[in-house]
Amino acid sequence: MNPASVDRADFHLKIVHEISDLVNQSSGLTTILKKVVNKIGDSLNFDVVSVYLWDKQKNELVLRSTRGLHV
């Protein structure tokens, strides 16, 4: 691995760790997902971040949290 790849991997691991902390400190799925999309958007400078979860009963993906997407 070259130094740039190591730095990028380290940065991504830091984000994963921070998201893990958010999940452990929060209660309620809606709150957790909102914090996660905001963390990803802020950390990676993304304008739009969305989380879809699979609904077994409907047999489809359902949008559960988003940032920057106007639905």
C-alpha atoms as a PDB file:
ATOM      1  CA  MET A   1       0.000   0.000   0.000  1.00  0.00           C
ATOM      2  CA  ASN A   2       1.238   3.459  -0.801  1.00  0.00           C
ATOM      3  CA  PRO A   3       1.079   6.252   1.817  1.00  0.00           C
ATOM      4  CA  ALA A   4      -1.986   7.882   0.229  1.00  0.00           C
ATOM      5  CA  SER A   5      -3.895   4.598   0.381  1.00  0.00           C
ATOM      6  CA  VAL A   6      -2.944   4.131   4.017  1.00  0.00           C
ATOM      7  CA  ASP A   7      -4.088   7.663   4.861  1.00  0.00           C
ATOM      8  CA  ARG A   8      -7.398   7.121   3.074  1.00  0.00           C
ATOM      9  CA  ALA A   9      -7.962   3.779   4.806  1.00  0.00           C
ATOM     10  CA  ASP A  10      -7.141   5.384   8.162  1.00  0.00           C
ATOM     11  CA  PHE A  11      -9.608   8.205   7.453  1.00  0.00           C
ATOM     12  CA  HIS A  12     -12.357   5.730   6.540  1.00  0.00           C
ATOM     13  CA  LEU A  13     -11.705   3.661   9.663  1.00  0.00           C
ATOM     14  CA  LYS A  14     -11.969   6.828  11.749  1.00  0.00           C
ATOM     15  CA  ILE A  15     -15.383   7.527  10.209  1.00  0.00           C
ATOM     16  CA  VAL A  16     -16.540   3.967  10.914  1.00  0.00           C
ATOM     17  CA  HIS A  17     -15.386   4.313  14.533  1.00  0.00           C
ATOM     18  CA  GLU A  18     -17.222   7.634  14.930  1.00  0.00           C
ATOM     19  CA  ILE A  19     -20.395   6.134  13.445  1.00  0.00           C
ATOM     20  CA  SER A  20     -20.081   3.203  15.843  1.00  0.00           C
ATOM     21  CA  ASP A  21     -19.889   5.670  18.730  1.00  0.00           C
ATOM     22  CA  LEU A  22     -23.006   7.474  17.443  1.00  0.00           C
ATOM     23  CA  VAL A  23     -24.914   4.196  17.282  1.00  0.00           C
ATOM     24  CA  ASN A  24     -23.855   3.218  20.795  1.00  0.00           C
ATOM     25  CA  GLN A  25     -24.799   6.620  22.244  1.00  0.00           C
ATOM     26  CA  SER A  26     -28.197   6.927  20.572  1.00  0.00           C
ATOM     27  CA  SER A  27     -31.516   5.265  21.047  1.00  0.00           C
ATOM     28  CA  GLY A  28     -34.146   4.760  18.430  1.00  0.00           C
ATOM     29  CA  LEU A  29     -33.549   3.758  14.842  1.00  0.00           C
ATOM     30  CA  THR A  30     -34.739   7.061  13.361  1.00  0.00           C
ATOM     31  CA  THR A  31     -32.322   9.066  15.513  1.00  0.00           C
ATOM     32  CA  ILE A  32     -29.428   6.743  14.753  1.00  0.00           C
ATOM     33  CA  LEU A  33     -30.015   6.835  11.000  1.00  0.00           C
ATOM     34  CA  LYS A  34     -30.301  10.629  10.989  1.00  0.00           C
ATOM     35  CA  LYS A  35     -26.981  10.951  12.820  1.00  0.00           C
ATOM     36  CA  VAL A  36     -25.331   8.417  10.508  1.00  0.00           C
ATOM     37  CA  VAL A  37     -26.382  10.164   7.277  1.00  0.00           C
ATOM     38  CA  ASN A  38     -25.222  13.502   8.687  1.00  0.00           C
ATOM     39  CA  LYS A  39     -21.871  12.059   9.786  1.00  0.00           C
ATOM     40  CA  ILE A  40     -21.263  10.478   6.384  1.00  0.00           C
ATOM     41  CA  GLY A  41     -22.286  13.644   4.562  1.00  0.00           C
ATOM     42  CA  ASP A  42     -20.091  15.869   6.731  1.00  0.00           C
ATOM     43  CA  SER A  43     -17.079  13.546   6.700  1.00  0.00           C
ATOM     44  CA  LEU A  44     -17.066  12.818   2.980  1.00  0.00           C
ATOM     45  CA  ASN A  45     -18.479  16.151   1.787  1.00  0.00           C
ATOM     46  CA  PHE A  46     -21.499  14.486   0.162  1.00  0.00           C
ATOM     47  CA  ASP A  47     -24.506  16.638  -0.661  1.00  0.00           C
ATOM     48  CA  VAL A  48     -26.868  13.668  -0.655  1.00  0.00           C
ATOM     49  CA  VAL A  49     -26.772  10.636   1.639  1.00  0.00           C
ATOM     50  CA  SER A  50     -29.650   8.169   1.938  1.00  0.00           C
ATOM     51  CA  VAL A  51     -30.249   4.972   3.873  1.00  0.00           C
ATOM     52  CA  TYR A  52     -32.690   2.405   2.582  1.00  0.00           C
ATOM     53  CA  LEU A  53     -33.715  -0.615   4.651  1.00  0.00           C
ATOM     54  CA  TRP A  54     -35.309  -3.796   3.396  1.00  0.00           C
ATOM     55  CA  ASP A  55     -38.960  -4.292   4.352  1.00  0.00           C
ATOM     56  CA  LYS A  56     -39.615  -8.048   4.386  1.00  0.00           C
ATOM     57  CA  GLN A  57     -43.384  -7.687   4.405  1.00  0.00           C
ATOM     58  CA  LYS A  58     -43.462  -5.354   1.405  1.00  0.00           C
ATOM     59  CA  ASN A  59     -40.512  -7.090  -0.247  1.00  0.00           C
ATOM     60  CA  GLU A  60     -38.920  -3.740  -1.122  1.00  0.00           C
ATOM     61  CA  LEU A  61     -36.389  -1.160  -0.029  1.00  0.00           C
ATOM     62  CA  VAL A  62     -37.808   1.690   2.026  1.00  0.00           C
ATOM     63  CA  LEU A  63     -36.145   5.085   2.420  1.00  0.00           C
ATOM     64  CA  ARG A  64     -35.581   5.517   6.158  1.00  0.00           C
ATOM     65  CA  SER A  65     -33.265   8.520   6.370  1.00  0.00           C
ATOM     66  CA  THR A  66     -31.848  11.069   3.972  1.00  0.00           C
ATOM     67  CA  ARG A  67     -29.928  14.291   3.814  1.00  0.00           C
ATOM     68  CA  GLY A  68     -30.046  16.570   0.793  1.00  0.00           C
ATOM     69  CA  LEU A  69     -32.672  14.540  -1.048  1.00  0.00           C
ATOM     70  CA  HIS A  70     -35.994  16.294  -1.347  1.00  0.00           C
ATOM     71  CA  VAL A  71     -38.765  13.707  -1.529  1.00  0.00           C
END
